[in-house]
């Protein structure tokens, strides 16, 4: 893989970039013991507050977890629903954005299933309902609009992940048209797996995606793996992607920890993105 093969048109401009973050915050479960949400929630909020993303896609927060983050991060407005009922039940996949910089133009959620418009629907081989939440934002700073789409793929079925990749490309084309877009998410797959190949292929249907790590003008900062299981980094499964009409200034995996203890079992990924006119 080369930078030339994945770099979309456009060049980076630091003064007009939008900082985009994807962050799997891990759902609240007592099974995590001392690493359960009540013991680390302030760290999750601190990571977002300190690194100051303009737009952030979260994976796995339950309603009460998102409520806490809303309280701790008042600069952000959030859109998204629970995956089970399209309301509050189950894990959420919200998109957050700075309310002082962006105006929300439209937003919705679709499910990664054979019936994307049906709340709580799931792929026949998926363990749970999976979804993607998107928002169209207008940037007051640059007077440009873009679409952000946040997702979390199935963790067991390879077939479900592959079909989710195809669906995501098609739906993104329907939603965004030619408008520049950024996709954030935990794909539960690595760069050598088929879903990643489908998302980034030049000859697929829908909108082609480019991994921000490989088209950043100033390259990548930090480690290159994101999933740590709370006890050590293992592989890269969390991504920020961009489409044509976008360029990436820089990209990083944020490996913050508190005396060796990470805030979640995934490290956030950050990319500074510029959306063309």
C-alpha atoms as a PDB file:
ATOM      1  CA  UNK A   1       0.000   0.000   0.000  1.00  0.00           C
ATOM      2  CA  UNK A   2       1.386   3.421  -0.934  1.00  0.00           C
ATOM      3  CA  UNK A   3       0.392   6.972  -0.080  1.00  0.00           C
ATOM      4  CA  UNK A   4      -0.098   7.661  -3.783  1.00  0.00           C
ATOM      5  CA  UNK A   5      -2.646   4.875  -4.100  1.00  0.00           C
ATOM      6  CA  UNK A   6      -4.897   6.162  -1.335  1.00  0.00           C
ATOM      7  CA  UNK A   7      -4.524   9.938  -1.337  1.00  0.00           C
ATOM      8  CA  UNK A   8      -7.706  11.678  -2.539  1.00  0.00           C
ATOM      9  CA  UNK A   9      -7.567  14.987  -4.386  1.00  0.00           C
ATOM     10  CA  UNK A  10      -6.751  18.107  -2.380  1.00  0.00           C
ATOM     11  CA  UNK A  11      -3.964  19.308  -0.144  1.00  0.00           C
ATOM     12  CA  UNK A  12      -3.947  19.895   3.611  1.00  0.00           C
ATOM     13  CA  UNK A  13      -4.543  23.327   5.162  1.00  0.00           C
ATOM     14  CA  UNK A  14      -4.087  23.458   8.920  1.00  0.00           C
ATOM     15  CA  UNK A  15      -6.048  26.668   9.380  1.00  0.00           C
ATOM     16  CA  UNK A  16      -9.276  25.158   8.058  1.00  0.00           C
ATOM     17  CA  UNK A  17      -9.077  21.641   9.434  1.00  0.00           C
ATOM     18  CA  UNK A  18     -11.786  19.821  11.347  1.00  0.00           C
ATOM     19  CA  UNK A  19     -10.450  17.544  14.071  1.00  0.00           C
ATOM     20  CA  UNK A  20     -12.293  14.226  13.847  1.00  0.00           C
ATOM     21  CA  UNK A  21     -12.119  11.544  16.536  1.00  0.00           C
ATOM     22  CA  UNK A  22     -13.427   7.991  16.738  1.00  0.00           C
ATOM     23  CA  UNK A  23     -13.556   6.469  20.220  1.00  0.00           C
ATOM     24  CA  UNK A  24     -14.961   3.140  21.403  1.00  0.00           C
ATOM     25  CA  UNK A  25     -15.623   3.928  25.066  1.00  0.00           C
ATOM     26  CA  UNK A  26     -16.709   0.362  25.990  1.00  0.00           C
ATOM     27  CA  UNK A  27     -20.162  -0.330  27.354  1.00  0.00           C
ATOM     28  CA  UNK A  28     -20.769  -0.327  31.099  1.00  0.00           C
ATOM     29  CA  UNK A  29     -20.524  -3.835  32.569  1.00  0.00           C
ATOM     30  CA  UNK A  30     -19.799  -5.005  36.107  1.00  0.00           C
ATOM     31  CA  UNK A  31     -17.636  -7.756  34.617  1.00  0.00           C
ATOM     32  CA  UNK A  32     -14.884  -5.165  34.143  1.00  0.00           C
ATOM     33  CA  UNK A  33     -14.447  -4.833  37.898  1.00  0.00           C
ATOM     34  CA  UNK A  34     -12.084  -1.968  38.716  1.00  0.00           C
ATOM     35  CA  UNK A  35     -12.063  -1.041  35.022  1.00  0.00           C
ATOM     36  CA  UNK A  36     -15.848  -0.695  34.837  1.00  0.00           C
ATOM     37  CA  UNK A  37     -17.376   2.572  33.650  1.00  0.00           C
ATOM     38  CA  UNK A  38     -17.858   4.250  37.067  1.00  0.00           C
ATOM     39  CA  UNK A  39     -14.106   4.007  37.692  1.00  0.00           C
ATOM     40  CA  UNK A  40     -12.965   5.380  34.334  1.00  0.00           C
ATOM     41  CA  UNK A  41     -15.741   7.591  33.026  1.00  0.00           C
ATOM     42  CA  UNK A  42     -13.922  10.777  34.077  1.00  0.00           C
ATOM     43  CA  UNK A  43     -10.934   9.616  32.030  1.00  0.00           C
ATOM     44  CA  UNK A  44     -13.033   9.104  28.915  1.00  0.00           C
ATOM     45  CA  UNK A  45     -14.454  12.614  29.289  1.00  0.00           C
ATOM     46  CA  UNK A  46     -10.965  13.982  29.930  1.00  0.00           C
ATOM     47  CA  UNK A  47      -9.572  12.460  26.731  1.00  0.00           C
ATOM     48  CA  UNK A  48     -12.259  14.133  24.646  1.00  0.00           C
ATOM     49  CA  UNK A  49     -11.980  17.434  26.505  1.00  0.00           C
ATOM     50  CA  UNK A  50      -8.175  17.549  26.286  1.00  0.00           C
ATOM     51  CA  UNK A  51      -7.795  16.594  22.624  1.00  0.00           C
ATOM     52  CA  UNK A  52     -10.675  18.870  21.603  1.00  0.00           C
ATOM     53  CA  UNK A  53     -12.133  17.085  18.575  1.00  0.00           C
ATOM     54  CA  UNK A  54     -14.520  19.202  16.564  1.00  0.00           C
ATOM     55  CA  UNK A  55     -16.467  16.073  15.631  1.00  0.00           C
ATOM     56  CA  UNK A  56     -16.440  12.750  17.472  1.00  0.00           C
ATOM     57  CA  UNK A  57     -18.021   9.373  16.773  1.00  0.00           C
ATOM     58  CA  UNK A  58     -18.438   7.115  19.800  1.00  0.00           C
ATOM     59  CA  UNK A  59     -19.077   3.399  19.909  1.00  0.00           C
ATOM     60  CA  UNK A  60     -20.790   1.353  22.632  1.00  0.00           C
ATOM     61  CA  UNK A  61     -22.042   3.936  25.177  1.00  0.00           C
ATOM     62  CA  UNK A  62     -25.316   3.046  26.834  1.00  0.00           C
ATOM     63  CA  UNK A  63     -27.855   5.794  27.480  1.00  0.00           C
ATOM     64  CA  UNK A  64     -26.574   6.585  30.980  1.00  0.00           C
ATOM     65  CA  UNK A  65     -22.986   6.715  29.739  1.00  0.00           C
ATOM     66  CA  UNK A  66     -23.908   9.177  27.023  1.00  0.00           C
ATOM     67  CA  UNK A  67     -25.876  11.229  29.558  1.00  0.00           C
ATOM     68  CA  UNK A  68     -22.749  11.519  31.687  1.00  0.00           C
ATOM     69  CA  UNK A  69     -20.671  12.638  28.712  1.00  0.00           C
ATOM     70  CA  UNK A  70     -23.317  15.197  27.776  1.00  0.00           C
ATOM     71  CA  UNK A  71     -23.036  16.665  31.264  1.00  0.00           C
ATOM     72  CA  UNK A  72     -19.242  16.664  31.258  1.00  0.00           C
ATOM     73  CA  UNK A  73     -18.847  17.974  27.713  1.00  0.00           C
ATOM     74  CA  UNK A  74     -21.402  20.778  27.324  1.00  0.00           C
ATOM     75  CA  UNK A  75     -19.604  22.174  24.268  1.00  0.00           C
ATOM     76  CA  UNK A  76     -20.929  19.243  22.223  1.00  0.00           C
ATOM     77  CA  UNK A  77     -24.308  18.471  20.746  1.00  0.00           C
ATOM     78  CA  UNK A  78     -25.071  14.781  20.166  1.00  0.00           C
ATOM     79  CA  UNK A  79     -27.260  12.876  17.721  1.00  0.00           C
ATOM     80  CA  UNK A  80     -27.911   9.142  17.685  1.00  0.00           C
ATOM     81  CA  UNK A  81     -30.092   6.386  19.100  1.00  0.00           C
ATOM     82  CA  UNK A  82     -29.894   3.008  20.796  1.00  0.00           C
ATOM     83  CA  UNK A  83     -29.331   0.076  18.474  1.00  0.00           C
ATOM     84  CA  UNK A  84     -32.076  -2.140  19.898  1.00  0.00           C
ATOM     85  CA  UNK A  85     -35.153   0.060  19.512  1.00  0.00           C
ATOM     86  CA  UNK A  86     -34.017   3.179  17.700  1.00  0.00           C
ATOM     87  CA  UNK A  87     -34.579   5.130  20.895  1.00  0.00           C
ATOM     88  CA  UNK A  88     -32.698   4.604  24.174  1.00  0.00           C
ATOM     89  CA  UNK A  89     -32.225   0.842  24.506  1.00  0.00           C
ATOM     90  CA  UNK A  90     -28.875  -0.800  23.883  1.00  0.00           C
ATOM     91  CA  UNK A  91     -25.515   0.514  22.796  1.00  0.00           C
ATOM     92  CA  UNK A  92     -25.471   3.855  21.006  1.00  0.00           C
ATOM     93  CA  UNK A  93     -23.268   5.077  18.177  1.00  0.00           C
ATOM     94  CA  UNK A  94     -23.623   8.837  18.565  1.00  0.00           C
ATOM     95  CA  UNK A  95     -22.046  11.644  16.611  1.00  0.00           C
ATOM     96  CA  UNK A  96     -20.991  14.636  18.679  1.00  0.00           C
ATOM     97  CA  UNK A  97     -20.021  18.034  17.315  1.00  0.00           C
ATOM     98  CA  UNK A  98     -19.093  21.447  18.672  1.00  0.00           C
ATOM     99  CA  UNK A  99     -22.251  23.484  18.856  1.00  0.00           C
ATOM    100  CA  UNK A 100     -20.350  26.791  18.509  1.00  0.00           C
ATOM    101  CA  UNK A 101     -18.794  25.812  15.178  1.00  0.00           C
ATOM    102  CA  UNK A 102     -21.366  23.686  13.361  1.00  0.00           C
ATOM    103  CA  UNK A 103     -25.027  23.851  12.428  1.00  0.00           C
ATOM    104  CA  UNK A 104     -26.864  20.542  12.150  1.00  0.00           C
ATOM    105  CA  UNK A 105     -28.538  20.323   8.747  1.00  0.00           C
ATOM    106  CA  UNK A 106     -29.801  16.743   8.838  1.00  0.00           C
ATOM    107  CA  UNK A 107     -29.202  13.449  10.624  1.00  0.00           C
ATOM    108  CA  UNK A 108     -30.503   9.894  10.868  1.00  0.00           C
ATOM    109  CA  UNK A 109     -29.557   6.286  11.617  1.00  0.00           C
ATOM    110  CA  UNK A 110     -29.716   3.180   9.457  1.00  0.00           C
ATOM    111  CA  UNK A 111     -29.178  -0.433  10.464  1.00  0.00           C
ATOM    112  CA  UNK A 112     -26.597  -2.736   8.919  1.00  0.00           C
ATOM    113  CA  UNK A 113     -29.163  -5.294   7.849  1.00  0.00           C
ATOM    114  CA  UNK A 114     -31.295  -6.354   4.914  1.00  0.00           C
ATOM    115  CA  UNK A 115     -33.851  -3.752   6.067  1.00  0.00           C
ATOM    116  CA  UNK A 116     -31.740  -0.706   6.989  1.00  0.00           C
ATOM    117  CA  UNK A 117     -34.775   1.472   7.699  1.00  0.00           C
ATOM    118  CA  UNK A 118     -36.144  -0.902  10.367  1.00  0.00           C
ATOM    119  CA  UNK A 119     -34.998   0.024  13.862  1.00  0.00           C
ATOM    120  CA  UNK A 120     -33.320  -2.841  15.685  1.00  0.00           C
ATOM    121  CA  UNK A 121     -32.993  -5.035  12.589  1.00  0.00           C
ATOM    122  CA  UNK A 122     -29.855  -7.110  12.183  1.00  0.00           C
ATOM    123  CA  UNK A 123     -27.968  -9.113   9.597  1.00  0.00           C
ATOM    124  CA  UNK A 124     -28.975 -12.817   9.678  1.00  0.00           C
ATOM    125  CA  UNK A 125     -25.501 -13.792  10.898  1.00  0.00           C
ATOM    126  CA  UNK A 126     -24.947 -10.864  13.266  1.00  0.00           C
ATOM    127  CA  UNK A 127     -24.934 -11.341  17.020  1.00  0.00           C
ATOM    128  CA  UNK A 128     -26.623  -7.997  17.689  1.00  0.00           C
ATOM    129  CA  UNK A 129     -28.203  -5.169  15.729  1.00  0.00           C
ATOM    130  CA  UNK A 130     -25.555  -2.950  14.169  1.00  0.00           C
ATOM    131  CA  UNK A 131     -26.080   0.529  12.789  1.00  0.00           C
ATOM    132  CA  UNK A 132     -24.579   3.708  11.402  1.00  0.00           C
ATOM    133  CA  UNK A 133     -25.509   7.206  12.526  1.00  0.00           C
ATOM    134  CA  UNK A 134     -24.846  10.151  10.250  1.00  0.00           C
ATOM    135  CA  UNK A 135     -25.095  13.911  10.419  1.00  0.00           C
ATOM    136  CA  UNK A 136     -24.759  16.624   7.808  1.00  0.00           C
ATOM    137  CA  UNK A 137     -23.013  19.629   9.326  1.00  0.00           C
ATOM    138  CA  UNK A 138     -22.407  23.163   8.124  1.00  0.00           C
ATOM    139  CA  UNK A 139     -19.113  24.626   9.306  1.00  0.00           C
ATOM    140  CA  UNK A 140     -19.446  28.289  10.272  1.00  0.00           C
ATOM    141  CA  UNK A 141     -15.648  28.667  10.175  1.00  0.00           C
ATOM    142  CA  UNK A 142     -15.201  27.624   6.555  1.00  0.00           C
ATOM    143  CA  UNK A 143     -18.778  28.046   5.277  1.00  0.00           C
ATOM    144  CA  UNK A 144     -18.644  24.470   3.960  1.00  0.00           C
ATOM    145  CA  UNK A 145     -20.815  21.446   4.613  1.00  0.00           C
ATOM    146  CA  UNK A 146     -19.861  17.811   5.053  1.00  0.00           C
ATOM    147  CA  UNK A 147     -21.313  14.519   6.241  1.00  0.00           C
ATOM    148  CA  UNK A 148     -19.975  12.494   9.154  1.00  0.00           C
ATOM    149  CA  UNK A 149     -21.025   8.852   9.506  1.00  0.00           C
ATOM    150  CA  UNK A 150     -20.217   6.762  12.580  1.00  0.00           C
ATOM    151  CA  UNK A 151     -20.510   2.973  12.738  1.00  0.00           C
ATOM    152  CA  UNK A 152     -19.619  -0.209  14.623  1.00  0.00           C
ATOM    153  CA  UNK A 153     -19.428  -3.465  12.661  1.00  0.00           C
ATOM    154  CA  UNK A 154     -20.351  -6.963  13.819  1.00  0.00           C
ATOM    155  CA  UNK A 155     -17.632  -8.649  15.891  1.00  0.00           C
ATOM    156  CA  UNK A 156     -18.196 -12.340  15.050  1.00  0.00           C
ATOM    157  CA  UNK A 157     -19.560 -12.874  11.550  1.00  0.00           C
ATOM    158  CA  UNK A 158     -17.142 -12.067   8.713  1.00  0.00           C
ATOM    159  CA  UNK A 159     -20.028 -12.260   6.249  1.00  0.00           C
ATOM    160  CA  UNK A 160     -21.983  -9.640   8.185  1.00  0.00           C
ATOM    161  CA  UNK A 161     -18.960  -7.341   8.240  1.00  0.00           C
ATOM    162  CA  UNK A 162     -18.396  -7.717   4.502  1.00  0.00           C
ATOM    163  CA  UNK A 163     -22.013  -7.000   3.646  1.00  0.00           C
ATOM    164  CA  UNK A 164     -22.022  -4.069   6.069  1.00  0.00           C
ATOM    165  CA  UNK A 165     -19.075  -2.586   4.173  1.00  0.00           C
ATOM    166  CA  UNK A 166     -20.951  -2.729   0.881  1.00  0.00           C
ATOM    167  CA  UNK A 167     -24.103  -1.312   2.441  1.00  0.00           C
ATOM    168  CA  UNK A 168     -22.183   1.529   4.046  1.00  0.00           C
ATOM    169  CA  UNK A 169     -20.637   2.575   0.732  1.00  0.00           C
ATOM    170  CA  UNK A 170     -24.001   2.538  -1.018  1.00  0.00           C
ATOM    171  CA  UNK A 171     -25.869   4.361   1.724  1.00  0.00           C
ATOM    172  CA  UNK A 172     -23.164   6.991   2.003  1.00  0.00           C
ATOM    173  CA  UNK A 173     -23.569   7.725  -1.698  1.00  0.00           C
ATOM    174  CA  UNK A 174     -27.328   8.093  -1.223  1.00  0.00           C
ATOM    175  CA  UNK A 175     -26.978  10.299   1.858  1.00  0.00           C
ATOM    176  CA  UNK A 176     -24.052  12.518   0.931  1.00  0.00           C
ATOM    177  CA  UNK A 177     -24.135  12.524  -2.855  1.00  0.00           C
ATOM    178  CA  UNK A 178     -21.025  14.455  -3.895  1.00  0.00           C
ATOM    179  CA  UNK A 179     -20.709  16.213  -0.530  1.00  0.00           C
ATOM    180  CA  UNK A 180     -17.394  15.423   1.201  1.00  0.00           C
ATOM    181  CA  UNK A 181     -17.744  12.895   3.990  1.00  0.00           C
ATOM    182  CA  UNK A 182     -15.817  11.361   6.849  1.00  0.00           C
ATOM    183  CA  UNK A 183     -16.518   7.931   8.335  1.00  0.00           C
ATOM    184  CA  UNK A 184     -15.557   6.974  11.875  1.00  0.00           C
ATOM    185  CA  UNK A 185     -15.859   3.575  13.443  1.00  0.00           C
ATOM    186  CA  UNK A 186     -14.804   0.340  15.046  1.00  0.00           C
ATOM    187  CA  UNK A 187     -14.877  -2.127  12.161  1.00  0.00           C
ATOM    188  CA  UNK A 188     -13.802  -5.196  14.144  1.00  0.00           C
ATOM    189  CA  UNK A 189     -11.384  -6.009  11.335  1.00  0.00           C
ATOM    190  CA  UNK A 190      -7.845  -5.161  10.292  1.00  0.00           C
ATOM    191  CA  UNK A 191      -6.457  -3.661   7.107  1.00  0.00           C
ATOM    192  CA  UNK A 192      -5.837  -7.070   5.556  1.00  0.00           C
ATOM    193  CA  UNK A 193      -9.429  -8.208   6.015  1.00  0.00           C
ATOM    194  CA  UNK A 194     -12.076  -8.169   3.316  1.00  0.00           C
ATOM    195  CA  UNK A 195     -14.371  -5.439   4.768  1.00  0.00           C
ATOM    196  CA  UNK A 196     -11.503  -2.931   4.778  1.00  0.00           C
ATOM    197  CA  UNK A 197     -10.645  -3.895   1.204  1.00  0.00           C
ATOM    198  CA  UNK A 198     -14.266  -3.410   0.148  1.00  0.00           C
ATOM    199  CA  UNK A 199     -14.492   0.020   1.756  1.00  0.00           C
ATOM    200  CA  UNK A 200     -11.283   1.284   0.159  1.00  0.00           C
ATOM    201  CA  UNK A 201     -11.484  -0.431  -3.248  1.00  0.00           C
ATOM    202  CA  UNK A 202     -11.451   1.796  -6.324  1.00  0.00           C
ATOM    203  CA  UNK A 203     -13.944  -0.376  -8.189  1.00  0.00           C
ATOM    204  CA  UNK A 204     -16.731  -0.794  -5.619  1.00  0.00           C
ATOM    205  CA  UNK A 205     -20.190   0.755  -5.743  1.00  0.00           C
ATOM    206  CA  UNK A 206     -21.113   3.824  -3.739  1.00  0.00           C
ATOM    207  CA  UNK A 207     -18.536   6.152  -2.176  1.00  0.00           C
ATOM    208  CA  UNK A 208     -14.938   5.012  -2.000  1.00  0.00           C
ATOM    209  CA  UNK A 209     -13.252   5.553   1.374  1.00  0.00           C
ATOM    210  CA  UNK A 210      -9.614   6.420   2.078  1.00  0.00           C
ATOM    211  CA  UNK A 211      -7.906   5.525   5.345  1.00  0.00           C
ATOM    212  CA  UNK A 212      -6.835   8.856   6.859  1.00  0.00           C
ATOM    213  CA  UNK A 213      -3.675   7.269   8.263  1.00  0.00           C
ATOM    214  CA  UNK A 214      -2.254   6.759   4.786  1.00  0.00           C
ATOM    215  CA  UNK A 215      -3.170  10.056   3.175  1.00  0.00           C
ATOM    216  CA  UNK A 216      -2.161  12.474   5.932  1.00  0.00           C
ATOM    217  CA  UNK A 217       0.071  15.274   4.667  1.00  0.00           C
ATOM    218  CA  UNK A 218       2.209  15.133   7.797  1.00  0.00           C
ATOM    219  CA  UNK A 219       1.895  11.408   8.316  1.00  0.00           C
ATOM    220  CA  UNK A 220       0.879   9.392  11.335  1.00  0.00           C
ATOM    221  CA  UNK A 221       1.646  10.157  14.988  1.00  0.00           C
ATOM    222  CA  UNK A 222       1.849   7.566  17.747  1.00  0.00           C
ATOM    223  CA  UNK A 223       1.225   3.814  17.772  1.00  0.00           C
ATOM    224  CA  UNK A 224      -0.534   2.143  14.876  1.00  0.00           C
ATOM    225  CA  UNK A 225      -2.738  -0.257  16.861  1.00  0.00           C
ATOM    226  CA  UNK A 226      -5.965   0.709  18.630  1.00  0.00           C
ATOM    227  CA  UNK A 227      -7.493  -2.292  20.433  1.00  0.00           C
ATOM    228  CA  UNK A 228      -5.869  -2.914  23.817  1.00  0.00           C
ATOM    229  CA  UNK A 229      -8.294  -5.114  25.817  1.00  0.00           C
ATOM    230  CA  UNK A 230      -7.211  -2.990  28.817  1.00  0.00           C
ATOM    231  CA  UNK A 231      -3.995  -5.016  29.028  1.00  0.00           C
ATOM    232  CA  UNK A 232      -1.905  -4.247  25.958  1.00  0.00           C
ATOM    233  CA  UNK A 233      -2.373  -3.118  22.362  1.00  0.00           C
ATOM    234  CA  UNK A 234      -3.079  -5.881  19.860  1.00  0.00           C
ATOM    235  CA  UNK A 235      -4.340  -4.643  16.481  1.00  0.00           C
ATOM    236  CA  UNK A 236      -5.793  -1.755  14.524  1.00  0.00           C
ATOM    237  CA  UNK A 237      -9.563  -2.041  14.159  1.00  0.00           C
ATOM    238  CA  UNK A 238     -10.648   1.590  14.682  1.00  0.00           C
ATOM    239  CA  UNK A 239     -10.555   4.032  11.775  1.00  0.00           C
ATOM    240  CA  UNK A 240     -11.172   7.465  10.375  1.00  0.00           C
ATOM    241  CA  UNK A 241     -11.892   7.408   6.639  1.00  0.00           C
ATOM    242  CA  UNK A 242     -12.418  10.280   4.215  1.00  0.00           C
ATOM    243  CA  UNK A 243     -13.896  10.562   0.725  1.00  0.00           C
ATOM    244  CA  UNK A 244     -12.928  12.506  -2.368  1.00  0.00           C
ATOM    245  CA  UNK A 245     -13.270  16.204  -1.705  1.00  0.00           C
ATOM    246  CA  UNK A 246     -11.355  15.870   1.548  1.00  0.00           C
ATOM    247  CA  UNK A 247      -7.711  15.993   2.556  1.00  0.00           C
ATOM    248  CA  UNK A 248      -5.962  14.991   5.767  1.00  0.00           C
ATOM    249  CA  UNK A 249      -3.449  17.225   7.533  1.00  0.00           C
ATOM    250  CA  UNK A 250      -2.336  14.739  10.209  1.00  0.00           C
ATOM    251  CA  UNK A 251      -3.441  11.491  11.855  1.00  0.00           C
ATOM    252  CA  UNK A 252      -2.842   9.921  15.264  1.00  0.00           C
ATOM    253  CA  UNK A 253      -3.713   7.099  17.614  1.00  0.00           C
ATOM    254  CA  UNK A 254      -4.109   8.594  21.096  1.00  0.00           C
ATOM    255  CA  UNK A 255      -2.583   6.217  23.642  1.00  0.00           C
ATOM    256  CA  UNK A 256      -3.278   8.227  26.807  1.00  0.00           C
ATOM    257  CA  UNK A 257      -3.215   6.306  30.076  1.00  0.00           C
ATOM    258  CA  UNK A 258      -3.357   6.915  33.812  1.00  0.00           C
ATOM    259  CA  UNK A 259      -0.292   5.245  35.320  1.00  0.00           C
ATOM    260  CA  UNK A 260      -0.552   2.496  32.746  1.00  0.00           C
ATOM    261  CA  UNK A 261      -4.351   2.201  32.846  1.00  0.00           C
ATOM    262  CA  UNK A 262      -6.102   3.255  29.615  1.00  0.00           C
ATOM    263  CA  UNK A 263      -9.500   4.995  29.670  1.00  0.00           C
ATOM    264  CA  UNK A 264     -11.082   2.291  27.489  1.00  0.00           C
ATOM    265  CA  UNK A 265     -10.231  -0.995  25.799  1.00  0.00           C
ATOM    266  CA  UNK A 266      -9.808   0.954  22.550  1.00  0.00           C
ATOM    267  CA  UNK A 267      -7.560   3.938  21.893  1.00  0.00           C
ATOM    268  CA  UNK A 268      -9.130   6.912  20.127  1.00  0.00           C
ATOM    269  CA  UNK A 269      -8.086   7.742  16.574  1.00  0.00           C
ATOM    270  CA  UNK A 270      -7.801  11.392  15.542  1.00  0.00           C
ATOM    271  CA  UNK A 271      -7.483  12.990  12.112  1.00  0.00           C
ATOM    272  CA  UNK A 272      -7.360  16.655  11.166  1.00  0.00           C
ATOM    273  CA  UNK A 273      -9.402  16.870   7.969  1.00  0.00           C
ATOM    274  CA  UNK A 274     -10.019  19.638   5.470  1.00  0.00           C
ATOM    275  CA  UNK A 275     -13.172  19.588   3.378  1.00  0.00           C
ATOM    276  CA  UNK A 276     -12.931  21.156  -0.061  1.00  0.00           C
ATOM    277  CA  UNK A 277     -15.435  23.639  -1.446  1.00  0.00           C
END
